[in-house]
Amino acid sequence: MPGREAEGDQGRWSPDTMMNLRDIHTPVLLERCVELMAPALTADGAVVVDATLGMGGHSEALLERFPNIRLVGLDRDTDALRIAGERLARFSDRTTFIHTVYNEIGRYVQDASAILMDLGVSSLQLDEADRGFAYSKDAPLDMRMDQTDGITAAEVLATYSEGNLRRIFERYGEEKLAARYARFIVQARADKPFVRSQDLVDVLQAATPAAAQRTGHPAKRVFQALRIEVNAELSVLADAIPAAMDALAVGGRIVVMSYQSLEDRLVKQAFAAASASTAPAGLPVELPEHAPRFRTLTKGAEMAGEEEKARNPRAIPVRLRAAERVRKAA
C-alpha cells in the first residue's frame, strides 16, 4: 500500500487533549457502520480504508474490534491526519495515513476488504473557528479542507461574477434567494472585500426579507455552497464513488454517509447503476458479463434513530447507504 504518510507535530496533542477530542467527536452511526462492514473483516490482514479519516473515531472502533485488520486512512486535511495519527498511535503497526483527496483512492489501495466514506465537513473543521466553515463563528473566510492548496472562500467572493455566484448558490446550496444574494455580494464587495465570515453574514442578513429569515438562518445554504465550490466536493465525489467501488475485492463492502441531498443523490445513482444488470432488453438469458457487480445492503438510505439524533445533533441529516461487491468487472 504505497503512499506518502502524513507528517506533523505529533507532540502537539497531549493525552488530555485526546480525551477532550473523544468527548466532542461522536462518530455518526458508528454501530451500524461496524455491523455493515463486519462480514468483510474476518480474514487476517483484511484491509479497511477510511477514505475520510477526520479525527479517527470510526477507525478507532474498527481497529479495537477487529485486531486482524490493517487500516489505510485518507484525508485532505493535514490537521485531521495529525490528530488521528496521535489518537490511533497505539495501532501504529496496523495503520497507514495518507494526505490525499479520496478520489485518489485507487492509487493507494486495490482489493480492499471494506471502505468507509463519511462525507461533508468534519467535526474538526466545524469546531475549529479559524477555518471559516461555520457561519455562527466569526473567522477568516477560508473553507479549504486542505489548507495547503486551492482557492479560499474569500477569493471566490472577490473574483466570481454575479452570474457565477448565483450559479453556485442555486446548484450547491439550493438557495431560492441566490440571485438576490449574488447581487448584494457584488455590490458590497465594491466598497469592502469580504475577509471574515461575519462580513458575509451581515450582507446576507441585510439582503434577506423578514419573512424568509423566519425559515432559518440566511447564511446556511450560502456557506454550504461556498464550501462545496472551494473544495470541489461534488465533482470529487462523482469520481470517488466509482473509484472506491473499483478498489474493493469481491465480497468487499462500501459504506457511505451523506449529509445533504446532492451528495446522497450521487451515491444513490452510483450504487443503483452498479447493482443493475446491463443485459440488453429482451435478452432471454443474462450472460455473466451483464450480471450486477454489486448488491445493495440497505433498503434506500438509512437514517439515525431519534435517540442518536438527540445525543448527537450532527447525526440529524445523515443518510447511509451500503453495498457489497459480488463480482469483478468483465
C-alpha atoms as a PDB file:
ATOM      1  CA  MET A   1       0.000   0.000   0.000  1.00  0.00           C
ATOM      2  CA  PRO A   2       2.294   2.765  -1.183  1.00  0.00           C
ATOM      3  CA  GLY A   3       1.625   6.326  -0.293  1.00  0.00           C
ATOM      4  CA  ARG A   4       3.007   9.447   1.289  1.00  0.00           C
ATOM      5  CA  GLU A   5       2.455   9.226   5.022  1.00  0.00           C
ATOM      6  CA  ALA A   6       1.288  12.357   6.799  1.00  0.00           C
ATOM      7  CA  GLU A   7       3.822  14.268   8.819  1.00  0.00           C
ATOM      8  CA  GLY A   8       3.287  16.769  11.608  1.00  0.00           C
ATOM      9  CA  ASP A   9       3.940  17.786  15.165  1.00  0.00           C
ATOM     10  CA  GLN A  10       2.589  14.703  16.871  1.00  0.00           C
ATOM     11  CA  GLY A  11       3.533  16.111  20.267  1.00  0.00           C
ATOM     12  CA  ARG A  12       1.007  18.930  19.920  1.00  0.00           C
ATOM     13  CA  TRP A  13      -1.790  16.677  21.163  1.00  0.00           C
ATOM     14  CA  SER A  14      -1.482  15.574  24.802  1.00  0.00           C
ATOM     15  CA  PRO A  15      -3.416  12.638  26.325  1.00  0.00           C
ATOM     16  CA  ASP A  16      -5.765  15.153  27.949  1.00  0.00           C
ATOM     17  CA  THR A  17      -6.380  16.770  24.574  1.00  0.00           C
ATOM     18  CA  MET A  18      -7.146  13.401  23.024  1.00  0.00           C
ATOM     19  CA  MET A  19      -9.683  12.694  25.772  1.00  0.00           C
ATOM     20  CA  ASN A  20     -11.349  16.015  25.002  1.00  0.00           C
ATOM     21  CA  LEU A  21     -11.467  15.162  21.313  1.00  0.00           C
ATOM     22  CA  ARG A  22     -13.228  11.901  22.106  1.00  0.00           C
ATOM     23  CA  ASP A  23     -15.759  13.877  24.111  1.00  0.00           C
ATOM     24  CA  ILE A  24     -16.528  16.373  21.335  1.00  0.00           C
ATOM     25  CA  HIS A  25     -16.276  13.967  18.415  1.00  0.00           C
ATOM     26  CA  THR A  26     -19.031  11.370  18.419  1.00  0.00           C
ATOM     27  CA  PRO A  27     -18.862   9.193  15.286  1.00  0.00           C
ATOM     28  CA  VAL A  28     -22.173   9.141  13.434  1.00  0.00           C
ATOM     29  CA  LEU A  29     -23.985   5.775  13.097  1.00  0.00           C
ATOM     30  CA  LEU A  30     -20.919   4.003  14.468  1.00  0.00           C
ATOM     31  CA  GLU A  31     -22.574   0.715  15.394  1.00  0.00           C
ATOM     32  CA  ARG A  32     -24.389   0.450  12.079  1.00  0.00           C
ATOM     33  CA  CYS A  33     -21.182   1.126  10.150  1.00  0.00           C
ATOM     34  CA  VAL A  34     -19.356  -1.594  12.083  1.00  0.00           C
ATOM     35  CA  GLU A  35     -22.248  -4.026  11.604  1.00  0.00           C
ATOM     36  CA  LEU A  36     -22.313  -3.487   7.843  1.00  0.00           C
ATOM     37  CA  MET A  37     -18.555  -3.873   7.390  1.00  0.00           C
ATOM     38  CA  ALA A  38     -18.016  -6.738   9.843  1.00  0.00           C
ATOM     39  CA  PRO A  39     -18.708  -9.670   7.450  1.00  0.00           C
ATOM     40  CA  ALA A  40     -15.861  -8.443   5.225  1.00  0.00           C
ATOM     41  CA  LEU A  41     -13.364  -8.130   8.093  1.00  0.00           C
ATOM     42  CA  THR A  42     -12.994 -11.705   9.320  1.00  0.00           C
ATOM     43  CA  ALA A  43      -9.851 -12.697   7.372  1.00  0.00           C
ATOM     44  CA  ASP A  44      -6.398 -11.985   8.740  1.00  0.00           C
ATOM     45  CA  GLY A  45      -4.884  -8.967   7.023  1.00  0.00           C
ATOM     46  CA  ALA A  46      -8.213  -7.572   5.858  1.00  0.00           C
ATOM     47  CA  VAL A  47      -7.681  -4.003   4.630  1.00  0.00           C
ATOM     48  CA  VAL A  48     -10.105  -1.270   5.656  1.00  0.00           C
ATOM     49  CA  VAL A  49      -9.941   2.156   4.042  1.00  0.00           C
ATOM     50  CA  ASP A  50     -11.295   5.119   5.959  1.00  0.00           C
ATOM     51  CA  ALA A  51     -11.423   7.460   2.993  1.00  0.00           C
ATOM     52  CA  THR A  52     -12.438  10.456   5.121  1.00  0.00           C
ATOM     53  CA  LEU A  53     -10.381   9.829   8.238  1.00  0.00           C
ATOM     54  CA  GLY A  54     -11.263  13.004  10.133  1.00  0.00           C
ATOM     55  CA  MET A  55     -10.450  12.618  13.819  1.00  0.00           C
ATOM     56  CA  GLY A  56     -10.410   8.830  13.514  1.00  0.00           C
ATOM     57  CA  GLY A  57     -13.488   7.911  15.535  1.00  0.00           C
ATOM     58  CA  HIS A  58     -14.806   5.229  13.198  1.00  0.00           C
ATOM     59  CA  SER A  59     -11.287   3.933  12.550  1.00  0.00           C
ATOM     60  CA  GLU A  60     -10.537   3.641  16.243  1.00  0.00           C
ATOM     61  CA  ALA A  61     -13.611   1.472  16.793  1.00  0.00           C
ATOM     62  CA  LEU A  62     -12.740  -0.779  13.849  1.00  0.00           C
ATOM     63  CA  LEU A  63      -9.131  -1.240  14.968  1.00  0.00           C
ATOM     64  CA  GLU A  64     -10.256  -2.057  18.511  1.00  0.00           C
ATOM     65  CA  ARG A  65     -12.896  -4.576  17.484  1.00  0.00           C
ATOM     66  CA  PHE A  66     -11.020  -6.287  14.642  1.00  0.00           C
ATOM     67  CA  PRO A  67      -7.418  -6.954  15.735  1.00  0.00           C
ATOM     68  CA  ASN A  68      -6.669  -8.726  12.455  1.00  0.00           C
ATOM     69  CA  ILE A  69      -7.290  -5.738  10.158  1.00  0.00           C
ATOM     70  CA  ARG A  70      -4.988  -3.164   8.623  1.00  0.00           C
ATOM     71  CA  LEU A  71      -6.282   0.373   8.181  1.00  0.00           C
ATOM     72  CA  VAL A  72      -5.467   2.925   5.495  1.00  0.00           C
ATOM     73  CA  GLY A  73      -6.651   6.408   6.440  1.00  0.00           C
ATOM     74  CA  LEU A  74      -7.030   9.095   3.784  1.00  0.00           C
ATOM     75  CA  ASP A  75      -7.696  12.779   4.352  1.00  0.00           C
ATOM     76  CA  ARG A  76      -7.010  16.046   2.554  1.00  0.00           C
ATOM     77  CA  ASP A  77      -6.887  17.896   5.885  1.00  0.00           C
ATOM     78  CA  THR A  78      -3.399  17.823   7.421  1.00  0.00           C
ATOM     79  CA  ASP A  79      -4.764  18.770  10.858  1.00  0.00           C
ATOM     80  CA  ALA A  80      -7.109  15.778  10.757  1.00  0.00           C
ATOM     81  CA  LEU A  81      -4.279  13.432   9.814  1.00  0.00           C
ATOM     82  CA  ARG A  82      -2.141  14.757  12.649  1.00  0.00           C
ATOM     83  CA  ILE A  83      -4.891  14.336  15.244  1.00  0.00           C
ATOM     84  CA  ALA A  84      -5.969  10.900  14.014  1.00  0.00           C
ATOM     85  CA  GLY A  85      -2.346   9.776  13.917  1.00  0.00           C
ATOM     86  CA  GLU A  86      -1.967  10.600  17.599  1.00  0.00           C
ATOM     87  CA  ARG A  87      -5.335   9.138  18.519  1.00  0.00           C
ATOM     88  CA  LEU A  88      -4.502   5.868  16.764  1.00  0.00           C
ATOM     89  CA  ALA A  89      -0.821   5.765  17.735  1.00  0.00           C
ATOM     90  CA  ARG A  90      -1.273   2.521  19.694  1.00  0.00           C
ATOM     91  CA  PHE A  91      -2.222   0.828  16.415  1.00  0.00           C
ATOM     92  CA  SER A  92       0.796   2.169  14.509  1.00  0.00           C
ATOM     93  CA  ASP A  93       1.825  -1.299  13.325  1.00  0.00           C
ATOM     94  CA  ARG A  94      -1.541  -1.678  11.576  1.00  0.00           C
ATOM     95  CA  THR A  95      -2.150   1.803  10.162  1.00  0.00           C
ATOM     96  CA  THR A  96      -1.044   3.917   7.227  1.00  0.00           C
ATOM     97  CA  PHE A  97      -2.121   7.562   6.846  1.00  0.00           C
ATOM     98  CA  ILE A  98      -2.036   9.352   3.509  1.00  0.00           C
ATOM     99  CA  HIS A  99      -2.527  13.035   2.704  1.00  0.00           C
ATOM    100  CA  THR A 100      -4.735  12.922  -0.375  1.00  0.00           C
ATOM    101  CA  VAL A 101      -8.250  13.574  -1.655  1.00  0.00           C
ATOM    102  CA  TYR A 102     -10.364  10.438  -1.582  1.00  0.00           C
ATOM    103  CA  ASN A 103     -10.961  10.285  -5.325  1.00  0.00           C
ATOM    104  CA  GLU A 104      -7.297   9.189  -5.496  1.00  0.00           C
ATOM    105  CA  ILE A 105      -8.104   6.005  -3.557  1.00  0.00           C
ATOM    106  CA  GLY A 106      -7.231   3.746  -6.500  1.00  0.00           C
ATOM    107  CA  ARG A 107      -3.624   4.983  -6.434  1.00  0.00           C
ATOM    108  CA  TYR A 108      -3.091   3.588  -2.965  1.00  0.00           C
ATOM    109  CA  VAL A 109      -5.366   0.593  -2.474  1.00  0.00           C
ATOM    110  CA  GLN A 110      -6.673  -2.313  -4.525  1.00  0.00           C
ATOM    111  CA  ASP A 111      -8.751  -5.280  -3.364  1.00  0.00           C
ATOM    112  CA  ALA A 112      -9.781  -3.563  -0.140  1.00  0.00           C
ATOM    113  CA  SER A 113     -11.995  -5.509   2.232  1.00  0.00           C
ATOM    114  CA  ALA A 114     -14.091  -2.505   3.291  1.00  0.00           C
ATOM    115  CA  ILE A 115     -14.263   1.209   2.550  1.00  0.00           C
ATOM    116  CA  LEU A 116     -15.917   3.893   4.672  1.00  0.00           C
ATOM    117  CA  MET A 117     -16.784   7.385   3.456  1.00  0.00           C
ATOM    118  CA  ASP A 118     -18.173   9.913   5.933  1.00  0.00           C
ATOM    119  CA  LEU A 119     -18.814  12.873   3.639  1.00  0.00           C
ATOM    120  CA  GLY A 120     -19.077  16.612   4.085  1.00  0.00           C
ATOM    121  CA  VAL A 121     -17.400  18.908   6.559  1.00  0.00           C
ATOM    122  CA  SER A 122     -15.859  17.198   9.583  1.00  0.00           C
ATOM    123  CA  SER A 123     -16.376  17.877  13.280  1.00  0.00           C
ATOM    124  CA  LEU A 124     -12.814  19.191  13.436  1.00  0.00           C
ATOM    125  CA  GLN A 125     -13.409  21.678  10.645  1.00  0.00           C
ATOM    126  CA  LEU A 126     -16.662  22.915  12.149  1.00  0.00           C
ATOM    127  CA  ASP A 127     -15.226  23.225  15.639  1.00  0.00           C
ATOM    128  CA  GLU A 128     -12.014  24.995  14.616  1.00  0.00           C
ATOM    129  CA  ALA A 129     -13.260  28.585  14.388  1.00  0.00           C
ATOM    130  CA  ASP A 130     -10.359  29.856  12.272  1.00  0.00           C
ATOM    131  CA  ARG A 131     -11.287  27.547   9.384  1.00  0.00           C
ATOM    132  CA  GLY A 132     -14.334  29.658   8.440  1.00  0.00           C
ATOM    133  CA  PHE A 133     -16.779  26.799   7.849  1.00  0.00           C
ATOM    134  CA  ALA A 134     -19.366  27.827  10.439  1.00  0.00           C
ATOM    135  CA  TYR A 135     -21.494  30.921   9.853  1.00  0.00           C
ATOM    136  CA  SER A 136     -22.086  31.124  13.616  1.00  0.00           C
ATOM    137  CA  LYS A 137     -18.388  31.827  14.316  1.00  0.00           C
ATOM    138  CA  ASP A 138     -16.548  34.876  13.004  1.00  0.00           C
ATOM    139  CA  ALA A 139     -13.382  33.705  11.264  1.00  0.00           C
ATOM    140  CA  PRO A 140     -11.298  34.222   8.126  1.00  0.00           C
ATOM    141  CA  LEU A 141     -13.236  33.131   5.039  1.00  0.00           C
ATOM    142  CA  ASP A 142     -11.056  30.159   4.163  1.00  0.00           C
ATOM    143  CA  MET A 143     -13.231  26.983   3.995  1.00  0.00           C
ATOM    144  CA  ARG A 144     -10.492  24.848   2.435  1.00  0.00           C
ATOM    145  CA  MET A 145     -10.402  21.307   3.760  1.00  0.00           C
ATOM    146  CA  ASP A 146      -6.759  21.206   2.680  1.00  0.00           C
ATOM    147  CA  GLN A 147      -5.254  24.481   3.812  1.00  0.00           C
ATOM    148  CA  THR A 148      -2.109  23.799   1.812  1.00  0.00           C
ATOM    149  CA  ASP A 149      -3.814  24.121  -1.563  1.00  0.00           C
ATOM    150  CA  GLY A 150      -6.596  25.757  -3.543  1.00  0.00           C
ATOM    151  CA  ILE A 151      -8.757  28.861  -3.651  1.00  0.00           C
ATOM    152  CA  THR A 152     -10.360  30.268  -0.494  1.00  0.00           C
ATOM    153  CA  ALA A 153     -13.961  31.324   0.009  1.00  0.00           C
ATOM    154  CA  ALA A 154     -12.776  34.939   0.244  1.00  0.00           C
ATOM    155  CA  GLU A 155     -11.204  34.616  -3.199  1.00  0.00           C
ATOM    156  CA  VAL A 156     -14.403  33.150  -4.629  1.00  0.00           C
ATOM    157  CA  LEU A 157     -16.411  36.084  -3.263  1.00  0.00           C
ATOM    158  CA  ALA A 158     -13.853  38.564  -4.607  1.00  0.00           C
ATOM    159  CA  THR A 159     -13.422  37.173  -8.125  1.00  0.00           C
ATOM    160  CA  TYR A 160     -16.556  35.321  -9.252  1.00  0.00           C
ATOM    161  CA  SER A 161     -19.030  37.189 -11.409  1.00  0.00           C
ATOM    162  CA  GLU A 162     -22.561  37.796 -10.188  1.00  0.00           C
ATOM    163  CA  GLY A 163     -23.765  35.082 -12.531  1.00  0.00           C
ATOM    164  CA  ASN A 164     -21.273  32.535 -11.234  1.00  0.00           C
ATOM    165  CA  LEU A 165     -22.117  33.320  -7.619  1.00  0.00           C
ATOM    166  CA  ARG A 166     -25.779  32.857  -8.399  1.00  0.00           C
ATOM    167  CA  ARG A 167     -24.984  29.540 -10.102  1.00  0.00           C
ATOM    168  CA  ILE A 168     -23.137  28.036  -7.157  1.00  0.00           C
ATOM    169  CA  PHE A 169     -25.731  29.279  -4.640  1.00  0.00           C
ATOM    170  CA  GLU A 170     -28.506  27.705  -6.708  1.00  0.00           C
ATOM    171  CA  ARG A 171     -26.711  24.482  -7.566  1.00  0.00           C
ATOM    172  CA  TYR A 172     -24.813  23.699  -4.396  1.00  0.00           C
ATOM    173  CA  GLY A 173     -26.977  25.465  -1.822  1.00  0.00           C
ATOM    174  CA  GLU A 174     -30.383  25.046  -3.500  1.00  0.00           C
ATOM    175  CA  GLU A 175     -30.912  28.623  -2.384  1.00  0.00           C
ATOM    176  CA  LYS A 176     -34.126  30.321  -3.570  1.00  0.00           C
ATOM    177  CA  LEU A 177     -32.657  33.792  -2.999  1.00  0.00           C
ATOM    178  CA  ALA A 178     -29.482  33.015  -4.950  1.00  0.00           C
ATOM    179  CA  ALA A 179     -29.888  35.865  -7.431  1.00  0.00           C
ATOM    180  CA  ARG A 180     -30.582  38.397  -4.697  1.00  0.00           C
ATOM    181  CA  TYR A 181     -27.648  37.268  -2.580  1.00  0.00           C
ATOM    182  CA  ALA A 182     -25.270  37.343  -5.542  1.00  0.00           C
ATOM    183  CA  ARG A 183     -26.345  40.888  -6.381  1.00  0.00           C
ATOM    184  CA  PHE A 184     -25.895  42.126  -2.815  1.00  0.00           C
ATOM    185  CA  ILE A 185     -22.468  40.488  -2.542  1.00  0.00           C
ATOM    186  CA  VAL A 186     -21.196  42.091  -5.751  1.00  0.00           C
ATOM    187  CA  GLN A 187     -22.482  45.481  -4.609  1.00  0.00           C
ATOM    188  CA  ALA A 188     -20.916  45.124  -1.159  1.00  0.00           C
ATOM    189  CA  ARG A 189     -17.502  43.984  -2.366  1.00  0.00           C
ATOM    190  CA  ALA A 190     -17.121  47.142  -4.433  1.00  0.00           C
ATOM    191  CA  ASP A 191     -16.783  49.044  -1.157  1.00  0.00           C
ATOM    192  CA  LYS A 192     -15.051  46.466   1.017  1.00  0.00           C
ATOM    193  CA  PRO A 193     -13.643  42.996   0.306  1.00  0.00           C
ATOM    194  CA  PHE A 194     -15.044  40.005   2.144  1.00  0.00           C
ATOM    195  CA  VAL A 195     -12.368  38.876   4.581  1.00  0.00           C
ATOM    196  CA  ARG A 196     -14.207  37.317   7.518  1.00  0.00           C
ATOM    197  CA  SER A 197     -17.312  35.183   7.839  1.00  0.00           C
ATOM    198  CA  GLN A 198     -19.175  37.878   9.764  1.00  0.00           C
ATOM    199  CA  ASP A 199     -18.713  40.243   6.784  1.00  0.00           C
ATOM    200  CA  LEU A 200     -20.655  37.801   4.627  1.00  0.00           C
ATOM    201  CA  VAL A 201     -23.271  37.021   7.277  1.00  0.00           C
ATOM    202  CA  ASP A 202     -24.019  40.741   7.686  1.00  0.00           C
ATOM    203  CA  VAL A 203     -24.628  41.196   3.950  1.00  0.00           C
ATOM    204  CA  LEU A 204     -26.785  38.082   3.708  1.00  0.00           C
ATOM    205  CA  GLN A 205     -28.908  39.145   6.658  1.00  0.00           C
ATOM    206  CA  ALA A 206     -29.386  42.581   5.145  1.00  0.00           C
ATOM    207  CA  ALA A 207     -30.397  41.003   1.831  1.00  0.00           C
ATOM    208  CA  THR A 208     -32.928  38.594   3.342  1.00  0.00           C
ATOM    209  CA  PRO A 209     -36.579  39.658   3.584  1.00  0.00           C
ATOM    210  CA  ALA A 210     -38.037  39.354   7.083  1.00  0.00           C
ATOM    211  CA  ALA A 211     -40.397  36.557   6.074  1.00  0.00           C
ATOM    212  CA  ALA A 212     -37.515  34.455   4.745  1.00  0.00           C
ATOM    213  CA  GLN A 213     -35.475  34.971   7.922  1.00  0.00           C
ATOM    214  CA  ARG A 214     -38.146  33.137   9.880  1.00  0.00           C
ATOM    215  CA  THR A 215     -37.469  29.929   7.910  1.00  0.00           C
ATOM    216  CA  GLY A 216     -33.858  29.546   9.060  1.00  0.00           C
ATOM    217  CA  HIS A 217     -30.522  31.316   9.125  1.00  0.00           C
ATOM    218  CA  PRO A 218     -29.989  33.104   5.788  1.00  0.00           C
ATOM    219  CA  ALA A 219     -26.309  32.114   5.655  1.00  0.00           C
ATOM    220  CA  LYS A 220     -26.745  28.350   5.970  1.00  0.00           C
ATOM    221  CA  ARG A 221     -27.154  27.408   2.314  1.00  0.00           C
ATOM    222  CA  VAL A 222     -24.733  30.061   1.019  1.00  0.00           C
ATOM    223  CA  PHE A 223     -21.966  28.794   3.315  1.00  0.00           C
ATOM    224  CA  GLN A 224     -22.699  25.234   2.184  1.00  0.00           C
ATOM    225  CA  ALA A 225     -22.472  26.295  -1.456  1.00  0.00           C
ATOM    226  CA  LEU A 226     -19.199  28.139  -0.945  1.00  0.00           C
ATOM    227  CA  ARG A 227     -17.680  25.189   0.887  1.00  0.00           C
ATOM    228  CA  ILE A 228     -18.674  22.798  -1.890  1.00  0.00           C
ATOM    229  CA  GLU A 229     -17.256  25.134  -4.534  1.00  0.00           C
ATOM    230  CA  VAL A 230     -13.975  25.764  -2.708  1.00  0.00           C
ATOM    231  CA  ASN A 231     -13.340  22.050  -2.205  1.00  0.00           C
ATOM    232  CA  ALA A 232     -14.903  20.829  -5.490  1.00  0.00           C
ATOM    233  CA  GLU A 233     -16.797  18.390  -3.290  1.00  0.00           C
ATOM    234  CA  LEU A 234     -19.387  17.133  -5.758  1.00  0.00           C
ATOM    235  CA  SER A 235     -17.023  16.650  -8.673  1.00  0.00           C
ATOM    236  CA  VAL A 236     -14.576  14.880  -6.358  1.00  0.00           C
ATOM    237  CA  LEU A 237     -17.375  12.675  -5.007  1.00  0.00           C
ATOM    238  CA  ALA A 238     -18.601  11.836  -8.512  1.00  0.00           C
ATOM    239  CA  ASP A 239     -15.131  10.422  -9.227  1.00  0.00           C
ATOM    240  CA  ALA A 240     -14.544   8.970  -5.770  1.00  0.00           C
ATOM    241  CA  ILE A 241     -17.550   6.651  -5.524  1.00  0.00           C
ATOM    242  CA  PRO A 242     -16.790   4.580  -8.658  1.00  0.00           C
ATOM    243  CA  ALA A 243     -13.065   4.661  -7.841  1.00  0.00           C
ATOM    244  CA  ALA A 244     -13.768   3.265  -4.378  1.00  0.00           C
ATOM    245  CA  MET A 245     -16.094   0.608  -5.737  1.00  0.00           C
ATOM    246  CA  ASP A 246     -13.430  -0.459  -8.222  1.00  0.00           C
ATOM    247  CA  ALA A 247     -10.890  -0.689  -5.360  1.00  0.00           C
ATOM    248  CA  LEU A 248     -12.967  -3.280  -3.479  1.00  0.00           C
ATOM    249  CA  ALA A 249     -12.267  -7.009  -3.532  1.00  0.00           C
ATOM    250  CA  VAL A 250     -15.106  -9.396  -4.316  1.00  0.00           C
ATOM    251  CA  GLY A 251     -17.009  -9.677  -1.048  1.00  0.00           C
ATOM    252  CA  GLY A 252     -15.769  -6.244  -0.020  1.00  0.00           C
ATOM    253  CA  ARG A 253     -18.212  -3.690   1.341  1.00  0.00           C
ATOM    254  CA  ILE A 254     -18.558   0.073   0.989  1.00  0.00           C
ATOM    255  CA  VAL A 255     -20.458   2.271   3.440  1.00  0.00           C
ATOM    256  CA  VAL A 256     -21.151   5.916   2.587  1.00  0.00           C
ATOM    257  CA  MET A 257     -22.727   8.541   4.836  1.00  0.00           C
ATOM    258  CA  SER A 258     -24.038  11.727   3.210  1.00  0.00           C
ATOM    259  CA  TYR A 259     -25.324  14.861   4.892  1.00  0.00           C
ATOM    260  CA  GLN A 260     -27.122  16.704   2.108  1.00  0.00           C
ATOM    261  CA  SER A 261     -29.271  15.695  -0.830  1.00  0.00           C
ATOM    262  CA  LEU A 262     -26.760  16.477  -3.573  1.00  0.00           C
ATOM    263  CA  GLU A 263     -24.219  14.062  -2.090  1.00  0.00           C
ATOM    264  CA  ASP A 264     -26.780  11.359  -1.423  1.00  0.00           C
ATOM    265  CA  ARG A 265     -28.109  11.576  -4.975  1.00  0.00           C
ATOM    266  CA  LEU A 266     -24.651  10.830  -6.407  1.00  0.00           C
ATOM    267  CA  VAL A 267     -24.189   7.868  -4.078  1.00  0.00           C
ATOM    268  CA  LYS A 268     -27.653   6.515  -4.840  1.00  0.00           C
ATOM    269  CA  GLN A 269     -27.086   6.745  -8.595  1.00  0.00           C
ATOM    270  CA  ALA A 270     -23.682   5.048  -8.450  1.00  0.00           C
ATOM    271  CA  PHE A 271     -24.969   2.176  -6.309  1.00  0.00           C
ATOM    272  CA  ALA A 272     -28.066   1.737  -8.466  1.00  0.00           C
ATOM    273  CA  ALA A 273     -26.008   1.546 -11.676  1.00  0.00           C
ATOM    274  CA  ALA A 274     -23.554  -0.966 -10.222  1.00  0.00           C
ATOM    275  CA  SER A 275     -26.287  -3.199  -8.784  1.00  0.00           C
ATOM    276  CA  ALA A 276     -28.328  -3.380 -12.011  1.00  0.00           C
ATOM    277  CA  SER A 277     -27.995  -5.845 -14.855  1.00  0.00           C
ATOM    278  CA  THR A 278     -26.510  -4.443 -18.056  1.00  0.00           C
ATOM    279  CA  ALA A 279     -28.138  -7.084 -20.244  1.00  0.00           C
ATOM    280  CA  PRO A 280     -29.915  -5.662 -23.309  1.00  0.00           C
ATOM    281  CA  ALA A 281     -33.691  -5.624 -23.091  1.00  0.00           C
ATOM    282  CA  GLY A 282     -35.271  -8.802 -24.414  1.00  0.00           C
ATOM    283  CA  LEU A 283     -32.191 -10.980 -23.982  1.00  0.00           C
ATOM    284  CA  PRO A 284     -33.568 -14.408 -22.966  1.00  0.00           C
ATOM    285  CA  VAL A 285     -30.592 -15.321 -20.751  1.00  0.00           C
ATOM    286  CA  GLU A 286     -28.389 -12.945 -18.768  1.00  0.00           C
ATOM    287  CA  LEU A 287     -24.769 -13.521 -19.673  1.00  0.00           C
ATOM    288  CA  PRO A 288     -22.246 -13.442 -16.812  1.00  0.00           C
ATOM    289  CA  GLU A 289     -20.664 -10.233 -18.053  1.00  0.00           C
ATOM    290  CA  HIS A 290     -24.034  -8.475 -17.731  1.00  0.00           C
ATOM    291  CA  ALA A 291     -24.702  -9.552 -14.140  1.00  0.00           C
ATOM    292  CA  PRO A 292     -24.684  -6.844 -11.461  1.00  0.00           C
ATOM    293  CA  ARG A 293     -21.260  -6.122  -9.944  1.00  0.00           C
ATOM    294  CA  PHE A 294     -22.722  -5.079  -6.595  1.00  0.00           C
ATOM    295  CA  ARG A 295     -25.692  -5.741  -4.374  1.00  0.00           C
ATOM    296  CA  THR A 296     -27.083  -3.072  -2.106  1.00  0.00           C
ATOM    297  CA  LEU A 297     -27.074  -3.787   1.633  1.00  0.00           C
ATOM    298  CA  THR A 298     -29.513  -1.087   2.680  1.00  0.00           C
ATOM    299  CA  LYS A 299     -33.085  -0.514   1.607  1.00  0.00           C
ATOM    300  CA  GLY A 300     -32.835   3.048   0.416  1.00  0.00           C
ATOM    301  CA  ALA A 301     -30.978   5.450   2.679  1.00  0.00           C
ATOM    302  CA  GLU A 302     -30.881   4.717   6.399  1.00  0.00           C
ATOM    303  CA  MET A 303     -31.131   7.490   8.967  1.00  0.00           C
ATOM    304  CA  ALA A 304     -30.054   7.811  12.576  1.00  0.00           C
ATOM    305  CA  GLY A 305     -32.567   6.931  15.260  1.00  0.00           C
ATOM    306  CA  GLU A 306     -34.219   9.542  17.424  1.00  0.00           C
ATOM    307  CA  GLU A 307     -32.032   8.694  20.412  1.00  0.00           C
ATOM    308  CA  GLU A 308     -28.821   9.246  18.437  1.00  0.00           C
ATOM    309  CA  LYS A 309     -30.150  12.460  16.918  1.00  0.00           C
ATOM    310  CA  ALA A 310     -30.889  13.802  20.388  1.00  0.00           C
ATOM    311  CA  ARG A 311     -27.459  12.772  21.650  1.00  0.00           C
ATOM    312  CA  ASN A 312     -25.500  13.886  18.580  1.00  0.00           C
ATOM    313  CA  PRO A 313     -27.110  16.687  16.518  1.00  0.00           C
ATOM    314  CA  ARG A 314     -24.685  16.115  13.649  1.00  0.00           C
ATOM    315  CA  ALA A 315     -26.448  12.800  13.026  1.00  0.00           C
ATOM    316  CA  ILE A 316     -29.741  14.543  12.198  1.00  0.00           C
ATOM    317  CA  PRO A 317     -29.238  14.916   8.420  1.00  0.00           C
ATOM    318  CA  VAL A 318     -27.224  11.725   7.806  1.00  0.00           C
ATOM    319  CA  ARG A 319     -28.188   9.315   5.031  1.00  0.00           C
ATOM    320  CA  LEU A 320     -26.340   5.982   4.984  1.00  0.00           C
ATOM    321  CA  ARG A 321     -26.070   3.628   2.013  1.00  0.00           C
ATOM    322  CA  ALA A 322     -24.012   0.466   1.693  1.00  0.00           C
ATOM    323  CA  ALA A 323     -23.208  -2.082  -0.989  1.00  0.00           C
ATOM    324  CA  GLU A 324     -21.190  -5.294  -1.419  1.00  0.00           C
ATOM    325  CA  ARG A 325     -19.107  -6.273  -4.436  1.00  0.00           C
ATOM    326  CA  VAL A 326     -20.305  -9.613  -5.830  1.00  0.00           C
ATOM    327  CA  ARG A 327     -18.130  -9.919  -8.924  1.00  0.00           C
ATOM    328  CA  LYS A 328     -15.212  -8.361 -10.742  1.00  0.00           C
ATOM    329  CA  ALA A 329     -15.813  -6.285 -13.850  1.00  0.00           C
ATOM    330  CA  ALA A 330     -15.683  -8.287 -17.063  1.00  0.00           C
END
